[in-house]
Protein backbone atom coordinates (compact mmCIF):
# COMPACT_ATOMS: atom_id res chain seq x y z
CA MET A 1 -5.08 0.02 -5.18
CA LEU A 2 -6.62 -0.56 -8.99
CA ALA A 3 -10.54 -0.21 -7.26
CA GLN A 4 -11.74 1.60 -4.20
CA ASN A 5 -15.50 0.87 -1.98
CA ASP A 6 -17.02 2.80 0.91
CA LEU A 7 -15.52 0.09 3.27
CA ALA A 8 -12.12 1.07 1.07
CA THR A 9 -12.18 4.73 1.31
CA ALA A 10 -13.57 4.89 5.35
CA ILE A 11 -9.93 2.63 6.34
CA LEU A 12 -7.38 4.48 3.58
CA GLY A 13 -9.10 7.40 2.87
CA ASN A 14 -10.10 9.10 -1.03
CA LEU A 15 -7.95 8.13 -3.15
CA SER A 16 -9.29 9.15 -6.03
CA ALA A 17 -7.20 12.09 -5.96
CA ALA A 18 -3.87 10.46 -5.36
CA THR A 19 -1.34 9.66 -7.75
CA PRO A 20 -0.52 5.79 -8.66
CA ALA A 21 2.81 5.97 -6.41
CA GLU A 22 0.53 7.09 -3.90
CA ARG A 23 -2.47 4.23 -4.53
CA ASN A 24 0.50 1.80 -3.85
CA LEU A 25 -0.34 0.21 0.17
CA ALA A 26 3.58 -0.91 0.37
CA ARG A 27 4.69 1.95 -0.64
CA ARG A 28 2.18 4.12 1.23
CA ALA A 29 3.27 1.58 4.24
CA PHE A 30 7.02 2.24 4.95
CA LEU A 31 7.02 5.72 3.78
CA PRO A 32 3.88 7.85 6.53
CA GLU A 33 4.60 10.41 4.62
CA VAL A 34 3.20 9.35 1.77
CA ALA A 35 -0.20 7.47 3.91
CA HIS A 36 -0.46 11.58 5.06
CA ARG A 37 -0.42 13.54 1.76
CA THR A 38 -3.44 11.88 1.37
CA GLY A 39 -4.78 11.75 4.25
CA ALA A 40 -5.32 7.72 4.66
CA GLU A 41 -2.41 6.52 8.20
CA VAL A 42 -2.67 3.55 9.90
CA ALA A 43 -2.96 3.76 13.64
CA ASP A 44 -1.20 0.38 14.00
CA MET A 45 1.59 0.63 10.81
CA THR A 46 2.88 -2.61 12.59
CA GLU A 47 0.01 -4.93 11.69
CA PHE A 48 -0.53 -3.07 8.23
CA ARG A 49 3.55 -3.82 7.56
CA HIS A 50 2.98 -7.65 7.99
CA PRO A 51 0.51 -8.80 5.31
CA ILE A 52 3.34 -6.60 2.49
CA ILE A 53 5.94 -8.45 3.29
CA ALA A 54 4.58 -11.55 3.20
CA GLY A 55 3.38 -11.15 -0.20
CA SER A 56 6.25 -9.67 -1.43
CA SER A 57 8.65 -12.36 0.50
CA THR A 58 6.13 -15.17 -1.05
CA ALA A 59 5.48 -13.31 -4.54
CA THR A 60 10.16 -12.84 -4.32
CA VAL A 61 10.17 -17.17 -4.22
CA ARG A 62 7.97 -17.37 -6.50
CA TYR A 63 8.40 -15.23 -8.71
CA PRO A 64 11.85 -14.67 -8.62
CA THR A 65 13.33 -13.51 -11.90
CA THR A 66 10.30 -11.14 -12.80
CA PRO A 67 12.49 -7.39 -12.20
CA LEU A 68 11.09 -4.79 -9.63
CA PRO A 69 9.28 -2.02 -11.05
CA HIS A 70 10.19 0.69 -10.77
């Protein structure tokens, strides 16, 4: 997450004090302890994960030689 407005804060919690890794929505979707630590747990994690997987798959196909971030 690069920017946050009032709606994002209401949905995802206040991430202003979170580390860059904790602001990563994909990381938070698959590591619930990160979401819990930042106060941004999602009620239906399955529905939250679907677009993240789809976007990651699309990016991998579109940019196959781009290295993944660590």
